[in-house]
């Protein structure tokens, strides 16, 4: 073999190192394992992404339907509130009008009461 920097050949090995080429196919075997691992990982990742996309699509669809329903509900309740507010205003107006009529009738009654009740007429004849 070749001499080292100190001019001596190390005596550790009996023959030159040939690597681990007999073990599991060497570099080619390692590349095949890496390729199969990558293919498996790619398949799992695609399946996971497809499942996640399907869940996302369903979520978006459900959210859209829910939002539409809630918007319709808000619109319905707003209209109902407006109608009931208007009815309340009309009822208050009717109450005020009726109260004025009652007050007027009571004042008139108070005027008529003395002449009707205390007429001074005796029925003992």
Foldseek 3Di string as FASTA:
>chain_A
DDADPVRHDDPPDPDDDPDPCVPCNPPVSVVVVVVVVVVVVVVVVVVVVVVVVVVVVVVVVVVVVVVVVVVVVVVVVVVVVVVVVVVVVVVVVVVVVVVVVVVVVVVVCVVCVCCVPPVVDDPPD
